[in-house]
């Protein structure tokens, strides 16, 4: 079948998917774009859906949410026309994942974000209607990360635990990796490093078996962040050195996550100038970065480094912009940290009364987040450790 356009499109998509999994998103995008030109000319709607989904994934891995989401929008609309429920539910899950905690850490938020919870509610209903147990496990992974970014810790824990239970019951290694990973991120956010590391190690073992390059950077970033919670800088550095070198680019989502952790490590090592250098390069290299764009997590990290270098006024400006951005992006889990950081910056400027107001607000937000968890050790430990970080 040499010269058959349909075979060529399949080959291009196969190669594009390989490059995406090898964390070479720009090459993946080139292959999928060529495949898209062919399948659009041929008019095969089902091949078109597949290619659109692959382009959505490739642009997400290439750190461009604004380019990723329209491909999913188009794919989902086509699936609805075709009444292709299996592909519809996977498209809904993938679109929702674009605004989960994973991409939001280092990417410019999309101007028109999808209704992630609405997408996932619909997708999970479809998984039960058609009996797709594996997709249900994947849907719960995305739901756990969306709840996490929105500061709904209890629902995030429930979703991640449910997804992991389903994946393990059916022996699905890849979705066991994803749900272990979501639980590792959540437990780190809750200041439960031992549980976070256990989930991260389980995810790493499975990723090694699968030889999933795609997950190596994600897991390394998660583990390094957890070691920093334990103030184990040597272990955090070891995790990052396994996947980063000074020449590692910032063009892929996994690489960017690891660079962000490296910036956090530098701050813990009392090297705020390195933190500033890394965060500024991450910001400058983010696709679709505009003068009014804000990446909440990177703004917070840069502000902490500025405060540490005695530039509290600049830190204040960044933190206020980040707080305003949360109203658009929905990253409620960062709010208490932003108010705490702003309190520290204002205190450094000698504005004690204003600083105290933000410290009070940070404590209120911690209790609001804690209230989403069931009563018990996890909830009380989070509240205790977060308040300790806020300070006296």
Protein backbone atom coordinates (compact mmCIF):
# COMPACT_ATOMS: atom_id res chain seq x y z
CA UNK A 1 0.00 0.00 0.00
CA UNK A 2 2.91 2.32 -0.73
CA UNK A 3 1.63 5.79 -1.48
CA UNK A 4 -1.74 5.17 0.22
CA UNK A 5 -2.57 8.52 1.94
CA UNK A 6 -4.48 6.81 4.75
CA UNK A 7 -1.49 4.57 5.55
CA UNK A 8 0.80 7.60 5.45
CA UNK A 9 -1.43 9.47 7.89
CA UNK A 10 -1.44 6.48 10.25
CA UNK A 11 2.36 6.32 10.08
CA UNK A 12 2.71 10.03 10.76
CA UNK A 13 0.41 9.78 13.76
CA UNK A 14 2.30 6.74 15.06
CA UNK A 15 5.61 8.58 14.79
CA UNK A 16 4.11 11.72 16.32
CA UNK A 17 2.84 9.73 19.28
CA UNK A 18 6.29 8.17 19.72
CA UNK A 19 7.92 11.59 19.79
CA UNK A 20 5.30 12.87 22.25
CA UNK A 21 6.04 10.00 24.62
CA UNK A 22 9.76 10.70 24.20
CA UNK A 23 9.07 14.29 25.32
CA UNK A 24 9.84 15.84 21.95
CA UNK A 25 6.55 17.70 21.50
CA UNK A 26 7.60 20.04 18.70
CA UNK A 27 8.54 17.08 16.49
CA UNK A 28 5.31 15.31 17.48
CA UNK A 29 3.28 18.36 16.49
CA UNK A 30 4.93 18.49 13.06
CA UNK A 31 4.04 14.86 12.36
CA UNK A 32 0.45 15.16 13.58
CA UNK A 33 -0.07 18.39 11.64
CA UNK A 34 0.98 16.65 8.42
CA UNK A 35 -1.38 13.78 9.27
CA UNK A 36 -4.18 16.28 9.88
CA UNK A 37 -3.74 17.75 6.39
CA UNK A 38 -4.14 14.26 4.91
CA UNK A 39 -7.14 13.08 6.93
CA UNK A 40 -8.99 16.34 6.33
CA UNK A 41 -8.47 15.89 2.60
CA UNK A 42 -9.65 12.26 2.77
CA UNK A 43 -12.71 13.19 4.82
CA UNK A 44 -12.55 10.21 7.21
CA UNK A 45 -14.20 11.60 10.33
CA UNK A 46 -12.99 8.91 12.72
CA UNK A 47 -9.38 9.31 11.63
CA UNK A 48 -9.89 13.05 12.00
CA UNK A 49 -11.03 12.62 15.61
CA UNK A 50 -7.94 10.54 16.39
CA UNK A 51 -5.58 13.09 14.84
CA UNK A 52 -7.24 16.02 16.61
CA UNK A 53 -6.87 14.22 19.96
CA UNK A 54 -3.19 13.55 19.28
CA UNK A 55 -2.60 17.20 18.43
CA UNK A 56 -4.34 18.19 21.66
CA UNK A 57 -1.98 15.96 23.65
CA UNK A 58 1.11 17.11 21.77
CA UNK A 59 0.36 20.80 22.30
CA UNK A 60 -0.32 20.16 26.00
CA UNK A 61 3.01 18.36 26.36
CA UNK A 62 4.55 21.23 24.43
CA UNK A 63 3.34 23.61 27.15
CA UNK A 64 0.73 25.43 25.04
CA UNK A 65 -2.73 25.19 26.58
CA UNK A 66 -4.25 27.80 24.29
CA UNK A 67 -3.32 25.69 21.26
CA UNK A 68 -4.27 22.37 22.89
CA UNK A 69 -7.86 23.07 23.93
CA UNK A 70 -9.30 24.00 20.47
CA UNK A 71 -8.25 20.59 19.10
CA UNK A 72 -10.20 18.89 21.89
CA UNK A 73 -13.15 21.21 21.30
CA UNK A 74 -13.27 20.17 17.67
CA UNK A 75 -12.77 16.47 18.44
CA UNK A 76 -15.55 16.47 21.05
CA UNK A 77 -17.95 18.18 18.66
CA UNK A 78 -17.21 15.57 15.98
CA UNK A 79 -17.69 12.69 18.42
CA UNK A 80 -21.09 14.08 19.35
CA UNK A 81 -22.07 14.23 15.66
CA UNK A 82 -20.87 10.64 15.13
CA UNK A 83 -22.38 9.40 18.41
CA UNK A 84 -18.95 7.94 19.18
CA UNK A 85 -19.28 7.66 22.94
CA UNK A 86 -15.94 5.92 23.66
CA UNK A 87 -13.97 8.65 21.88
CA UNK A 88 -16.23 11.36 23.29
CA UNK A 89 -15.48 10.42 26.88
CA UNK A 90 -11.70 10.27 26.29
CA UNK A 91 -11.84 13.69 24.68
CA UNK A 92 -13.77 15.10 27.62
CA UNK A 93 -11.25 13.68 30.12
CA UNK A 94 -8.28 15.00 28.14
CA UNK A 95 -9.80 18.46 27.78
CA UNK A 96 -10.50 18.64 31.51
CA UNK A 97 -6.91 17.64 32.28
CA UNK A 98 -5.62 20.77 30.53
CA UNK A 99 -6.69 22.83 33.55
CA UNK A 100 -5.60 20.39 36.25
CA UNK A 101 -2.78 21.15 38.68
CA UNK A 102 -0.13 19.55 36.44
CA UNK A 103 -0.10 22.10 33.57
CA UNK A 104 -1.18 25.04 35.71
CA UNK A 105 2.11 25.10 37.62
CA UNK A 106 4.26 26.42 34.78
CA UNK A 107 1.97 27.30 31.85
CA UNK A 108 -0.02 30.35 30.83
CA UNK A 109 -3.68 29.65 31.75
CA UNK A 110 -6.02 29.36 28.76
CA UNK A 111 -8.05 32.45 27.98
CA UNK A 112 -11.21 30.34 27.66
CA UNK A 113 -10.79 27.36 30.02
CA UNK A 114 -13.19 24.41 29.73
CA UNK A 115 -15.69 23.49 32.41
CA UNK A 116 -13.43 20.75 33.74
CA UNK A 117 -15.78 19.42 36.41
CA UNK A 118 -18.66 19.41 33.94
CA UNK A 119 -16.55 17.53 31.39
CA UNK A 120 -15.50 14.94 33.95
CA UNK A 121 -18.99 14.42 35.34
CA UNK A 122 -20.20 13.74 31.82
CA UNK A 123 -17.22 11.52 30.98
CA UNK A 124 -17.53 9.40 34.12
CA UNK A 125 -21.22 8.89 33.44
CA UNK A 126 -20.34 7.69 29.94
CA UNK A 127 -17.70 5.27 31.27
CA UNK A 128 -20.38 3.56 33.35
CA UNK A 129 -22.95 3.63 30.56
CA UNK A 130 -20.64 1.81 28.15
CA UNK A 131 -18.81 -0.24 30.78
CA UNK A 132 -15.33 1.24 30.18
CA UNK A 133 -13.71 0.52 33.53
CA UNK A 134 -10.21 1.57 32.42
CA UNK A 135 -11.45 4.97 31.26
CA UNK A 136 -13.21 5.36 34.60
CA UNK A 137 -9.85 4.99 36.37
CA UNK A 138 -8.36 7.60 34.03
CA UNK A 139 -11.28 9.94 34.59
CA UNK A 140 -10.82 9.76 38.35
CA UNK A 141 -7.13 10.67 37.91
CA UNK A 142 -8.09 13.86 36.07
CA UNK A 143 -10.83 14.58 38.61
CA UNK A 144 -8.34 14.26 41.49
CA UNK A 145 -6.00 16.82 39.89
CA UNK A 146 -8.81 19.24 39.03
CA UNK A 147 -10.14 19.10 42.59
CA UNK A 148 -6.60 19.62 43.89
CA UNK A 149 -6.04 22.80 41.89
CA UNK A 150 -9.42 24.08 43.10
CA UNK A 151 -8.52 23.44 46.73
CA UNK A 152 -11.04 20.63 47.23
CA UNK A 153 -8.70 18.29 49.06
CA UNK A 154 -11.26 15.80 50.36
CA UNK A 155 -12.87 15.23 46.92
CA UNK A 156 -9.37 15.02 45.39
CA UNK A 157 -8.43 12.29 47.85
CA UNK A 158 -11.65 10.39 47.15
CA UNK A 159 -11.18 10.60 43.37
CA UNK A 160 -7.52 9.57 43.41
CA UNK A 161 -8.19 6.67 45.79
CA UNK A 162 -11.12 5.48 43.68
CA UNK A 163 -9.12 5.71 40.46
CA UNK A 164 -6.20 3.80 41.97
CA UNK A 165 -8.48 1.09 43.34
CA UNK A 166 -10.10 0.56 39.94
CA UNK A 167 -6.77 0.57 38.06
CA UNK A 168 -5.23 -1.96 40.45
CA UNK A 169 -8.31 -4.19 40.34
CA UNK A 170 -8.09 -4.51 36.55
CA UNK A 171 -4.28 -4.60 36.48
CA UNK A 172 -3.96 -1.42 34.44
CA UNK A 173 -0.38 -0.30 35.01
CA UNK A 174 -0.53 3.05 33.22
CA UNK A 175 -3.59 4.26 35.09
CA UNK A 176 -2.11 2.94 38.33
CA UNK A 177 0.85 5.23 37.63
CA UNK A 178 -1.39 8.23 37.02
CA UNK A 179 -3.46 7.74 40.16
CA UNK A 180 -0.43 7.06 42.37
CA UNK A 181 0.96 10.29 40.95
CA UNK A 182 -2.15 12.34 41.75
CA UNK A 183 -2.15 10.99 45.31
CA UNK A 184 1.56 11.81 45.65
CA UNK A 185 0.90 15.43 44.68
CA UNK A 186 -2.07 15.68 47.02
CA UNK A 187 -0.27 14.24 50.05
CA UNK A 188 2.67 16.57 49.44
CA UNK A 189 0.26 19.50 49.43
CA UNK A 190 -1.16 18.19 52.72
CA UNK A 191 2.33 18.01 54.29
CA UNK A 192 2.25 14.21 54.51
CA UNK A 193 5.62 13.46 52.90
CA UNK A 194 5.86 9.80 53.84
CA UNK A 195 2.57 8.98 52.12
CA UNK A 196 3.50 11.20 49.17
CA UNK A 197 6.86 9.47 48.72
CA UNK A 198 5.26 6.01 48.96
CA UNK A 199 2.84 6.86 46.14
CA UNK A 200 5.66 8.43 44.13
CA UNK A 201 7.86 5.37 44.53
CA UNK A 202 5.00 3.09 43.46
CA UNK A 203 4.42 5.27 40.42
CA UNK A 204 8.14 5.22 39.58
CA UNK A 205 8.35 1.43 39.79
CA UNK A 206 5.45 1.04 37.38
CA UNK A 207 6.77 3.73 35.04
CA UNK A 208 10.10 1.87 34.93
CA UNK A 209 8.31 -1.32 33.89
CA UNK A 210 6.37 0.57 31.23
CA UNK A 211 9.54 2.46 30.19
CA UNK A 212 7.40 5.56 30.16
CA UNK A 213 9.69 8.50 29.47
CA UNK A 214 6.61 10.70 29.65
CA UNK A 215 6.23 10.05 33.37
CA UNK A 216 9.89 10.12 34.41
CA UNK A 217 10.05 13.93 34.60
CA UNK A 218 6.62 14.26 36.22
CA UNK A 219 7.46 11.78 38.96
CA UNK A 220 10.93 13.24 39.52
CA UNK A 221 9.38 16.68 39.99
CA UNK A 222 6.82 15.32 42.45
CA UNK A 223 9.42 13.41 44.47
CA UNK A 224 11.79 16.37 44.58
CA UNK A 225 9.01 18.62 45.84
CA UNK A 226 8.17 16.12 48.55
CA UNK A 227 11.79 15.83 49.68
CA UNK A 228 11.85 19.61 50.02
CA UNK A 229 8.91 19.38 52.43
CA UNK A 230 11.11 17.10 54.56
CA UNK A 231 13.99 19.59 54.10
CA UNK A 232 16.02 16.81 52.48
CA UNK A 233 17.82 18.97 49.93
CA UNK A 234 20.31 16.29 48.97
CA UNK A 235 17.55 13.82 48.01
CA UNK A 236 15.66 16.51 46.11
CA UNK A 237 18.79 17.43 44.16
CA UNK A 238 19.47 13.78 43.38
CA UNK A 239 15.96 13.37 41.92
CA UNK A 240 16.40 16.40 39.69
CA UNK A 241 19.96 15.64 38.58
CA UNK A 242 18.70 12.32 37.23
CA UNK A 243 16.54 14.15 34.67
CA UNK A 244 18.00 17.66 34.35
CA UNK A 245 21.25 19.08 33.08
CA UNK A 246 22.16 22.75 32.59
CA UNK A 247 21.31 22.28 28.90
CA UNK A 248 17.89 20.68 29.41
CA UNK A 249 15.39 22.82 27.47
CA UNK A 250 12.19 24.30 28.88
CA UNK A 251 10.04 23.37 25.89
CA UNK A 252 8.12 20.42 27.35
CA UNK A 253 5.72 20.20 30.27
CA UNK A 254 7.71 17.58 32.19
CA UNK A 255 10.97 19.49 31.82
CA UNK A 256 9.31 22.70 32.97
CA UNK A 257 7.95 21.01 36.10
CA UNK A 258 11.45 19.80 36.99
CA UNK A 259 12.96 23.24 36.39
CA UNK A 260 10.33 24.76 38.70
CA UNK A 261 11.36 22.31 41.43
CA UNK A 262 14.98 23.21 40.79
CA UNK A 263 14.07 26.84 41.41
CA UNK A 264 12.40 25.84 44.70
CA UNK A 265 15.47 23.85 45.68
CA UNK A 266 17.71 26.85 45.00
CA UNK A 267 15.57 28.95 47.32
CA UNK A 268 15.85 26.30 50.04
CA UNK A 269 19.62 26.34 49.49
CA UNK A 270 19.60 30.11 50.09
CA UNK A 271 20.42 30.89 46.49
CA UNK A 272 17.54 33.20 45.52
CA UNK A 273 19.47 34.55 42.53
CA UNK A 274 19.36 31.10 40.94
CA UNK A 275 15.66 30.92 41.72
CA UNK A 276 15.15 34.24 39.96
CA UNK A 277 17.18 33.12 36.95
CA UNK A 278 15.21 29.88 36.53
CA UNK A 279 11.78 31.42 37.07
CA UNK A 280 12.52 34.26 34.65
CA UNK A 281 13.60 31.76 32.00
CA UNK A 282 10.50 29.65 32.60
CA UNK A 283 8.33 32.73 32.21
CA UNK A 284 10.14 33.95 29.10
CA UNK A 285 9.92 30.51 27.43
CA UNK A 286 6.21 29.94 28.14
CA UNK A 287 4.24 29.83 24.86
CA UNK A 288 1.70 32.63 24.29
CA UNK A 289 3.26 34.70 27.06
CA UNK A 290 1.82 38.22 26.78
CA UNK A 291 2.55 41.39 28.80
CA UNK A 292 -0.57 40.85 30.92
CA UNK A 293 -0.15 37.07 31.34
CA UNK A 294 0.33 35.64 34.82
CA UNK A 295 1.43 32.13 35.80
CA UNK A 296 0.37 32.05 39.45
CA UNK A 297 2.87 29.50 40.77
CA UNK A 298 5.86 31.10 39.03
CA UNK A 299 4.79 34.57 40.20
CA UNK A 300 4.67 33.23 43.77
CA UNK A 301 8.08 31.58 43.44
CA UNK A 302 9.69 34.67 41.94
CA UNK A 303 8.16 36.85 44.67
CA UNK A 304 9.62 34.62 47.37
CA UNK A 305 13.06 34.99 45.80
CA UNK A 306 12.65 38.77 45.52
CA UNK A 307 11.67 39.02 49.18
CA UNK A 308 14.74 36.99 50.10
CA UNK A 309 16.94 39.46 48.19
CA UNK A 310 15.42 42.50 49.91
CA UNK A 311 13.21 43.52 47.00
CA UNK A 312 9.91 43.27 48.88
CA UNK A 313 8.25 46.04 46.87
CA UNK A 314 8.67 44.08 43.64
CA UNK A 315 7.50 40.93 45.40
CA UNK A 316 4.36 42.71 46.58
CA UNK A 317 3.47 43.69 43.02
CA UNK A 318 3.87 40.12 41.78
CA UNK A 319 1.84 38.63 44.62
CA UNK A 320 -1.04 41.05 44.09
CA UNK A 321 -1.08 40.15 40.38
CA UNK A 322 -1.05 36.45 41.29
CA UNK A 323 -3.96 36.90 43.70
CA UNK A 324 -5.97 38.64 41.00
CA UNK A 325 -5.12 35.87 38.54
CA UNK A 326 -6.48 33.17 40.85
CA UNK A 327 -9.92 34.69 40.35
CA UNK A 328 -9.60 33.79 36.67
CA UNK A 329 -7.67 30.53 36.87
CA UNK A 330 -9.40 28.96 39.88
CA UNK A 331 -6.14 27.92 41.59
CA UNK A 332 -7.61 28.21 45.08
CA UNK A 333 -5.06 25.84 46.60
CA UNK A 334 -2.40 28.58 46.21
CA UNK A 335 -4.39 31.37 47.85
CA UNK A 336 -3.19 30.85 51.41
CA UNK A 337 0.43 30.76 50.27
CA UNK A 338 -0.01 33.97 48.29
CA UNK A 339 -1.54 35.81 51.25
CA UNK A 340 1.19 34.48 53.53
CA UNK A 341 3.88 35.61 51.09
CA UNK A 342 2.27 39.01 50.75
CA UNK A 343 2.21 39.34 54.53
CA UNK A 344 5.94 38.62 54.64
CA UNK A 345 6.66 41.14 51.88
CA UNK A 346 4.60 43.85 53.55
CA UNK A 347 6.21 43.16 56.92
CA UNK A 348 9.62 43.55 55.29
CA UNK A 349 8.46 46.95 54.03
CA UNK A 350 7.50 47.98 57.58
CA UNK A 351 3.75 47.80 56.89
CA UNK A 352 2.87 45.63 59.87
CA UNK A 353 -0.87 46.26 60.01
CA UNK A 354 -1.42 45.37 56.35
CA UNK A 355 0.84 42.36 56.78
CA UNK A 356 -1.21 41.11 59.73
CA UNK A 357 -4.40 41.29 57.67
CA UNK A 358 -2.93 39.01 55.03
CA UNK A 359 -1.58 36.61 57.62
CA UNK A 360 -5.06 36.40 59.14
CA UNK A 361 -6.55 35.75 55.72
CA UNK A 362 -3.97 33.04 55.04
CA UNK A 363 -4.94 31.27 58.28
CA UNK A 364 -8.64 31.54 57.41
CA UNK A 365 -8.01 30.00 54.00
CA UNK A 366 -6.04 27.14 55.53
CA UNK A 367 -9.02 26.22 57.69
CA UNK A 368 -11.33 26.53 54.71
CA UNK A 369 -9.18 24.05 52.78
CA UNK A 370 -8.86 21.77 55.80
CA UNK A 371 -12.64 21.65 56.10
CA UNK A 372 -12.81 19.85 52.74
CA UNK A 373 -11.05 16.87 54.38
CA UNK A 374 -12.67 14.37 56.75
CA UNK A 375 -11.82 14.84 60.40
CA UNK A 376 -8.70 12.99 61.39
CA UNK A 377 -4.91 13.06 61.35
CA UNK A 378 -4.56 14.13 57.71
CA UNK A 379 -6.75 17.18 58.28
CA UNK A 380 -5.25 18.21 61.61
CA UNK A 381 -1.67 17.74 60.36
CA UNK A 382 -2.32 19.90 57.28
CA UNK A 383 -3.77 22.67 59.41
CA UNK A 384 -0.90 22.50 61.89
CA UNK A 385 1.89 22.47 59.29
CA UNK A 386 0.36 25.16 57.09
CA UNK A 387 -0.11 27.50 60.05
CA UNK A 388 3.46 26.81 61.11
CA UNK A 389 4.64 27.88 57.65
CA UNK A 390 2.60 31.08 57.86
CA UNK A 391 4.50 31.97 61.01
CA UNK A 392 3.65 33.57 64.34
